[in-house]
Amino acid sequence: MKSSHEREQLIKDINVLLTQAYDSTLDEIHALLKRIDDVDDDEDLKAIKVKKLEKIYALMVLCLGMKFKTK
């Protein structure tokens, strides 16, 4: 049977391990959420680029159409 001091020390050691595991888990969750956010940002940037390219293409078509009409 363990003495009360041994039990207290064991509880403290377990609490330290639990706290470390909790912190580690929080760090992993934060890293995963950051990666998800980065992916969302990348997808947003891609969508913005596509829209810009579509506008450029539409302007080019419009300009070419005007050029042919004036000849």
PDB file of N, CA and C in Angstrom:
ATOM      1  N   MET A   1       0.834  -1.173   0.000  1.00  0.00           N
ATOM      2  CA  MET A   1       0.000   0.000   0.000  1.00  0.00           C
ATOM      3  C   MET A   1       0.889   1.251   0.000  1.00  0.00           C
ATOM      4  N   LYS A   2       0.476   2.243  -0.752  1.00  0.00           N
ATOM      5  CA  LYS A   2       1.263   3.458  -0.874  1.00  0.00           C
ATOM      6  C   LYS A   2       0.944   4.418   0.258  1.00  0.00           C
ATOM      7  N   SER A   3       1.971   5.147   0.630  1.00  0.00           N
ATOM      8  CA  SER A   3       1.758   6.167   1.660  1.00  0.00           C
ATOM      9  C   SER A   3       1.027   7.353   1.043  1.00  0.00           C
ATOM     10  N   SER A   4       0.511   8.213   1.876  1.00  0.00           N
ATOM     11  CA  SER A   4      -0.232   9.368   1.356  1.00  0.00           C
ATOM     12  C   SER A   4       0.701  10.282   0.563  1.00  0.00           C
ATOM     13  N   HIS A   5       1.962  10.383   0.956  1.00  0.00           N
ATOM     14  CA  HIS A   5       2.931  11.197   0.204  1.00  0.00           C
ATOM     15  C   HIS A   5       3.163  10.593  -1.189  1.00  0.00           C
ATOM     16  N   GLU A   6       3.304   9.277  -1.255  1.00  0.00           N
ATOM     17  CA  GLU A   6       3.503   8.600  -2.552  1.00  0.00           C
ATOM     18  C   GLU A   6       2.291   8.798  -3.462  1.00  0.00           C
ATOM     19  N   ARG A   7       1.100   8.696  -2.867  1.00  0.00           N
ATOM     20  CA  ARG A   7      -0.133   8.919  -3.648  1.00  0.00           C
ATOM     21  C   ARG A   7      -0.187  10.351  -4.177  1.00  0.00           C
ATOM     22  N   GLU A   8       0.128  11.300  -3.316  1.00  0.00           N
ATOM     23  CA  GLU A   8       0.115  12.701  -3.733  1.00  0.00           C
ATOM     24  C   GLU A   8       1.105  12.940  -4.869  1.00  0.00           C
ATOM     25  N   GLN A   9       2.298  12.349  -4.740  1.00  0.00           N
ATOM     26  CA  GLN A   9       3.311  12.515  -5.785  1.00  0.00           C
ATOM     27  C   GLN A   9       2.854  11.855  -7.093  1.00  0.00           C
ATOM     28  N   LEU A  10       2.258  10.693  -6.968  1.00  0.00           N
ATOM     29  CA  LEU A  10       1.751   9.996  -8.144  1.00  0.00           C
ATOM     30  C   LEU A  10       0.664  10.825  -8.834  1.00  0.00           C
ATOM     31  N   ILE A  11      -0.225  11.413  -8.060  1.00  0.00           N
ATOM     32  CA  ILE A  11      -1.288  12.261  -8.614  1.00  0.00           C
ATOM     33  C   ILE A  11      -0.681  13.479  -9.305  1.00  0.00           C
ATOM     34  N   LYS A  12       0.321  14.093  -8.684  1.00  0.00           N
ATOM     35  CA  LYS A  12       0.996  15.244  -9.302  1.00  0.00           C
ATOM     36  C   LYS A  12       1.641  14.843 -10.626  1.00  0.00           C
ATOM     37  N   ASP A  13       2.316  13.702 -10.630  1.00  0.00           N
ATOM     38  CA  ASP A  13       2.973  13.219 -11.857  1.00  0.00           C
ATOM     39  C   ASP A  13       1.946  12.960 -12.961  1.00  0.00           C
ATOM     40  N   ILE A  14       0.836  12.351 -12.582  1.00  0.00           N
ATOM     41  CA  ILE A  14      -0.234  12.079 -13.558  1.00  0.00           C
ATOM     42  C   ILE A  14      -0.802  13.387 -14.093  1.00  0.00           C
ATOM     43  N   ASN A  15      -1.006  14.364 -13.202  1.00  0.00           N
ATOM     44  CA  ASN A  15      -1.522  15.659 -13.637  1.00  0.00           C
ATOM     45  C   ASN A  15      -0.569  16.348 -14.613  1.00  0.00           C
ATOM     46  N   VAL A  16       0.722  16.227 -14.343  1.00  0.00           N
ATOM     47  CA  VAL A  16       1.711  16.808 -15.264  1.00  0.00           C
ATOM     48  C   VAL A  16       1.596  16.141 -16.633  1.00  0.00           C
ATOM     49  N   LEU A  17       1.525  14.825 -16.655  1.00  0.00           N
ATOM     50  CA  LEU A  17       1.410  14.097 -17.917  1.00  0.00           C
ATOM     51  C   LEU A  17       0.116  14.444 -18.654  1.00  0.00           C
ATOM     52  N   LEU A  18      -0.977  14.546 -17.900  1.00  0.00           N
ATOM     53  CA  LEU A  18      -2.256  14.913 -18.517  1.00  0.00           C
ATOM     54  C   LEU A  18      -2.200  16.326 -19.102  1.00  0.00           C
ATOM     55  N   THR A  19      -1.581  17.237 -18.381  1.00  0.00           N
ATOM     56  CA  THR A  19      -1.458  18.617 -18.859  1.00  0.00           C
ATOM     57  C   THR A  19      -0.605  18.665 -20.124  1.00  0.00           C
ATOM     58  N   GLN A  20       0.480  17.912 -20.145  1.00  0.00           N
ATOM     59  CA  GLN A  20       1.339  17.866 -21.340  1.00  0.00           C
ATOM     60  C   GLN A  20       0.578  17.282 -22.524  1.00  0.00           C
ATOM     61  N   ALA A  21      -0.167  16.217 -22.276  1.00  0.00           N
ATOM     62  CA  ALA A  21      -0.947  15.603 -23.352  1.00  0.00           C
ATOM     63  C   ALA A  21      -2.014  16.569 -23.852  1.00  0.00           C
ATOM     64  N   TYR A  22      -2.653  17.290 -22.944  1.00  0.00           N
ATOM     65  CA  TYR A  22      -3.684  18.268 -23.299  1.00  0.00           C
ATOM     66  C   TYR A  22      -3.074  19.380 -24.145  1.00  0.00           C
ATOM     67  N   ASP A  23      -1.920  19.915 -23.703  1.00  0.00           N
ATOM     68  CA  ASP A  23      -1.243  20.978 -24.459  1.00  0.00           C
ATOM     69  C   ASP A  23      -0.834  20.489 -25.842  1.00  0.00           C
ATOM     70  N   SER A  24      -0.319  19.276 -25.895  1.00  0.00           N
ATOM     71  CA  SER A  24       0.090  18.699 -27.176  1.00  0.00           C
ATOM     72  C   SER A  24      -1.109  18.565 -28.120  1.00  0.00           C
ATOM     73  N   THR A  25      -2.223  18.114 -27.565  1.00  0.00           N
ATOM     74  CA  THR A  25      -3.442  17.965 -28.365  1.00  0.00           C
ATOM     75  C   THR A  25      -3.924  19.317 -28.863  1.00  0.00           C
ATOM     76  N   LEU A  26      -3.879  20.331 -27.996  1.00  0.00           N
ATOM     77  CA  LEU A  26      -4.271  21.682 -28.415  1.00  0.00           C
ATOM     78  C   LEU A  26      -3.364  22.192 -29.533  1.00  0.00           C
ATOM     79  N   ASP A  27      -2.064  21.923 -29.410  1.00  0.00           N
ATOM     80  CA  ASP A  27      -1.119  22.335 -30.454  1.00  0.00           C
ATOM     81  C   ASP A  27      -1.448  21.652 -31.783  1.00  0.00           C
ATOM     82  N   GLU A  28      -1.770  20.357 -31.727  1.00  0.00           N
ATOM     83  CA  GLU A  28      -2.119  19.630 -32.947  1.00  0.00           C
ATOM     84  C   GLU A  28      -3.400  20.165 -33.560  1.00  0.00           C
ATOM     85  N   ILE A  29      -4.395  20.444 -32.733  1.00  0.00           N
ATOM     86  CA  ILE A  29      -5.655  20.994 -33.227  1.00  0.00           C
ATOM     87  C   ILE A  29      -5.409  22.355 -33.865  1.00  0.00           C
ATOM     88  N   HIS A  30      -4.617  23.184 -33.210  1.00  0.00           N
ATOM     89  CA  HIS A  30      -4.307  24.512 -33.760  1.00  0.00           C
ATOM     90  C   HIS A  30      -3.601  24.389 -35.106  1.00  0.00           C
ATOM     91  N   ALA A  31      -2.641  23.480 -35.206  1.00  0.00           N
ATOM     92  CA  ALA A  31      -1.921  23.286 -36.461  1.00  0.00           C
ATOM     93  C   ALA A  31      -2.868  22.824 -37.569  1.00  0.00           C
ATOM     94  N   LEU A  32      -3.773  21.909 -37.248  1.00  0.00           N
ATOM     95  CA  LEU A  32      -4.734  21.432 -38.244  1.00  0.00           C
ATOM     96  C   LEU A  32      -5.681  22.550 -38.685  1.00  0.00           C
ATOM     97  N   LEU A  33      -6.163  23.342 -37.732  1.00  0.00           N
ATOM     98  CA  LEU A  33      -7.047  24.456 -38.083  1.00  0.00           C
ATOM     99  C   LEU A  33      -6.323  25.480 -38.941  1.00  0.00           C
ATOM    100  N   LYS A  34      -5.055  25.718 -38.643  1.00  0.00           N
ATOM    101  CA  LYS A  34      -4.259  26.656 -39.445  1.00  0.00           C
ATOM    102  C   LYS A  34      -4.104  26.126 -40.865  1.00  0.00           C
ATOM    103  N   ARG A  35      -3.846  24.819 -41.003  1.00  0.00           N
ATOM    104  CA  ARG A  35      -3.711  24.237 -42.342  1.00  0.00           C
ATOM    105  C   ARG A  35      -5.021  24.350 -43.115  1.00  0.00           C
ATOM    106  N   ILE A  36      -6.136  24.111 -42.435  1.00  0.00           N
ATOM    107  CA  ILE A  36      -7.444  24.239 -43.085  1.00  0.00           C
ATOM    108  C   ILE A  36      -7.657  25.675 -43.536  1.00  0.00           C
ATOM    109  N   ASP A  37      -7.304  26.628 -42.678  1.00  0.00           N
ATOM    110  CA  ASP A  37      -7.451  28.048 -43.017  1.00  0.00           C
ATOM    111  C   ASP A  37      -6.558  28.407 -44.193  1.00  0.00           C
ATOM    112  N   ASP A  38      -5.326  27.874 -44.202  1.00  0.00           N
ATOM    113  CA  ASP A  38      -4.412  28.139 -45.314  1.00  0.00           C
ATOM    114  C   ASP A  38      -4.971  27.594 -46.622  1.00  0.00           C
ATOM    115  N   VAL A  39      -5.566  26.409 -46.569  1.00  0.00           N
ATOM    116  CA  VAL A  39      -6.170  25.821 -47.766  1.00  0.00           C
ATOM    117  C   VAL A  39      -7.321  26.691 -48.247  1.00  0.00           C
ATOM    118  N   ASP A  40      -8.151  27.146 -47.287  1.00  0.00           N
ATOM    119  CA  ASP A  40      -9.259  28.032 -47.648  1.00  0.00           C
ATOM    120  C   ASP A  40      -8.736  29.309 -48.297  1.00  0.00           C
ATOM    121  N   ASP A  41      -7.651  29.866 -47.738  1.00  0.00           N
ATOM    122  CA  ASP A  41      -7.050  31.072 -48.301  1.00  0.00           C
ATOM    123  C   ASP A  41      -6.550  30.802 -49.723  1.00  0.00           C
ATOM    124  N   ASP A  42      -5.905  29.653 -49.911  1.00  0.00           N
ATOM    125  CA  ASP A  42      -5.417  29.295 -51.247  1.00  0.00           C
ATOM    126  C   ASP A  42      -6.568  29.172 -52.237  1.00  0.00           C
ATOM    127  N   GLU A  43      -7.647  28.536 -51.796  1.00  0.00           N
ATOM    128  CA  GLU A  43      -8.807  28.377 -52.676  1.00  0.00           C
ATOM    129  C   GLU A  43      -9.440  29.731 -52.981  1.00  0.00           C
ATOM    130  N   ASP A  44      -9.477  30.610 -51.981  1.00  0.00           N
ATOM    131  CA  ASP A  44     -10.002  31.961 -52.202  1.00  0.00           C
ATOM    132  C   ASP A  44      -9.135  32.707 -53.212  1.00  0.00           C
ATOM    133  N   LEU A  45      -7.809  32.582 -53.058  1.00  0.00           N
ATOM    134  CA  LEU A  45      -6.903  33.254 -53.991  1.00  0.00           C
ATOM    135  C   LEU A  45      -7.063  32.704 -55.405  1.00  0.00           C
ATOM    136  N   LYS A  46      -7.213  31.391 -55.507  1.00  0.00           N
ATOM    137  CA  LYS A  46      -7.420  30.787 -56.828  1.00  0.00           C
ATOM    138  C   LYS A  46      -8.708  31.307 -57.455  1.00  0.00           C
ATOM    139  N   ALA A  47      -9.756  31.407 -56.658  1.00  0.00           N
ATOM    140  CA  ALA A  47     -11.038  31.899 -57.173  1.00  0.00           C
ATOM    141  C   ALA A  47     -10.904  33.350 -57.630  1.00  0.00           C
ATOM    142  N   ILE A  48     -10.174  34.155 -56.878  1.00  0.00           N
ATOM    143  CA  ILE A  48      -9.952  35.557 -57.269  1.00  0.00           C
ATOM    144  C   ILE A  48      -9.172  35.618 -58.576  1.00  0.00           C
ATOM    145  N   LYS A  49      -8.144  34.793 -58.704  1.00  0.00           N
ATOM    146  CA  LYS A  49      -7.342  34.776 -59.932  1.00  0.00           C
ATOM    147  C   LYS A  49      -8.199  34.365 -61.129  1.00  0.00           C
ATOM    148  N   VAL A  50      -9.043  33.358 -60.936  1.00  0.00           N
ATOM    149  CA  VAL A  50      -9.921  32.908 -62.021  1.00  0.00           C
ATOM    150  C   VAL A  50     -10.844  34.039 -62.443  1.00  0.00           C
ATOM    151  N   LYS A  51     -11.412  34.746 -61.481  1.00  0.00           N
ATOM    152  CA  LYS A  51     -12.315  35.852 -61.817  1.00  0.00           C
ATOM    153  C   LYS A  51     -11.571  36.949 -62.574  1.00  0.00           C
ATOM    154  N   LYS A  52     -10.341  37.246 -62.145  1.00  0.00           N
ATOM    155  CA  LYS A  52      -9.538  38.261 -62.844  1.00  0.00           C
ATOM    156  C   LYS A  52      -9.254  37.815 -64.274  1.00  0.00           C
ATOM    157  N   LEU A  53      -8.893  36.544 -64.430  1.00  0.00           N
ATOM    158  CA  LEU A  53      -8.608  36.034 -65.779  1.00  0.00           C
ATOM    159  C   LEU A  53      -9.855  36.067 -66.649  1.00  0.00           C
ATOM    160  N   GLU A  54     -10.997  35.762 -66.063  1.00  0.00           N
ATOM    161  CA  GLU A  54     -12.249  35.815 -66.823  1.00  0.00           C
ATOM    162  C   GLU A  54     -12.541  37.248 -67.283  1.00  0.00           C
ATOM    163  N   LYS A  55     -12.293  38.225 -66.409  1.00  0.00           N
ATOM    164  CA  LYS A  55     -12.504  39.628 -66.775  1.00  0.00           C
ATOM    165  C   LYS A  55     -11.542  40.053 -67.878  1.00  0.00           C
ATOM    166  N   ILE A  56     -10.285  39.639 -67.749  1.00  0.00           N
ATOM    167  CA  ILE A  56      -9.287  39.973 -68.778  1.00  0.00           C
ATOM    168  C   ILE A  56      -9.698  39.357 -70.107  1.00  0.00           C
ATOM    169  N   TYR A  57     -10.110  38.104 -70.072  1.00  0.00           N
ATOM    170  CA  TYR A  57     -10.539  37.429 -71.292  1.00  0.00           C
ATOM    171  C   TYR A  57     -11.734  38.148 -71.923  1.00  0.00           C
ATOM    172  N   ALA A  58     -12.702  38.520 -71.082  1.00  0.00           N
ATOM    173  CA  ALA A  58     -13.890  39.216 -71.585  1.00  0.00           C
ATOM    174  C   ALA A  58     -13.497  40.551 -72.210  1.00  0.00           C
ATOM    175  N   LEU A  59     -12.567  41.272 -71.593  1.00  0.00           N
ATOM    176  CA  LEU A  59     -12.102  42.544 -72.157  1.00  0.00           C
ATOM    177  C   LEU A  59     -11.370  42.329 -73.482  1.00  0.00           C
ATOM    178  N   MET A  60     -10.571  41.272 -73.537  1.00  0.00           N
ATOM    179  CA  MET A  60      -9.852  40.976 -74.783  1.00  0.00           C
ATOM    180  C   MET A  60     -10.842  40.669 -75.903  1.00  0.00           C
ATOM    181  N   VAL A  61     -11.848  39.859 -75.601  1.00  0.00           N
ATOM    182  CA  VAL A  61     -12.862  39.515 -76.598  1.00  0.00           C
ATOM    183  C   VAL A  61     -13.591  40.779 -77.045  1.00  0.00           C
ATOM    184  N   LEU A  62     -13.933  41.618 -76.084  1.00  0.00           N
ATOM    185  CA  LEU A  62     -14.628  42.863 -76.388  1.00  0.00           C
ATOM    186  C   LEU A  62     -13.754  43.757 -77.273  1.00  0.00           C
ATOM    187  N   CYS A  63     -12.494  43.894 -76.919  1.00  0.00           N
ATOM    188  CA  CYS A  63     -11.576  44.728 -77.709  1.00  0.00           C
ATOM    189  C   CYS A  63     -11.386  44.160 -79.105  1.00  0.00           C
ATOM    190  N   LEU A  64     -11.228  42.866 -79.204  1.00  0.00           N
ATOM    191  CA  LEU A  64     -11.059  42.250 -80.526  1.00  0.00           C
ATOM    192  C   LEU A  64     -12.322  42.443 -81.356  1.00  0.00           C
ATOM    193  N   GLY A  65     -13.476  42.296 -80.734  1.00  0.00           N
ATOM    194  CA  GLY A  65     -14.741  42.511 -81.434  1.00  0.00           C
ATOM    195  C   GLY A  65     -14.852  43.928 -81.960  1.00  0.00           C
ATOM    196  N   MET A  66     -14.443  44.892 -81.144  1.00  0.00           N
ATOM    197  CA  MET A  66     -14.492  46.298 -81.567  1.00  0.00           C
ATOM    198  C   MET A  66     -13.507  46.539 -82.695  1.00  0.00           C
ATOM    199  N   LYS A  67     -12.355  45.913 -82.631  1.00  0.00           N
ATOM    200  CA  LYS A  67     -11.323  46.102 -83.639  1.00  0.00           C
ATOM    201  C   LYS A  67     -11.832  45.587 -84.988  1.00  0.00           C
ATOM    202  N   PHE A  68     -12.465  44.439 -84.991  1.00  0.00           N
ATOM    203  CA  PHE A  68     -12.962  43.874 -86.241  1.00  0.00           C
ATOM    204  C   PHE A  68     -14.124  44.671 -86.796  1.00  0.00           C
ATOM    205  N   LYS A  69     -14.934  45.238 -85.931  1.00  0.00           N
ATOM    206  CA  LYS A  69     -16.099  46.017 -86.373  1.00  0.00           C
ATOM    207  C   LYS A  69     -15.669  47.332 -87.016  1.00  0.00           C
ATOM    208  N   THR A  70     -14.558  47.891 -86.559  1.00  0.00           N
ATOM    209  CA  THR A  70     -14.124  49.174 -87.089  1.00  0.00           C
ATOM    210  C   THR A  70     -13.421  49.044 -88.420  1.00  0.00           C
ATOM    211  N   LYS A  71     -13.025  47.862 -88.812  1.00  0.00           N
ATOM    212  CA  LYS A  71     -12.314  47.686 -90.086  1.00  0.00           C
ATOM    213  C   LYS A  71     -13.251  47.633 -91.249  1.00  0.00           C
TER     214      LYS A  71
END
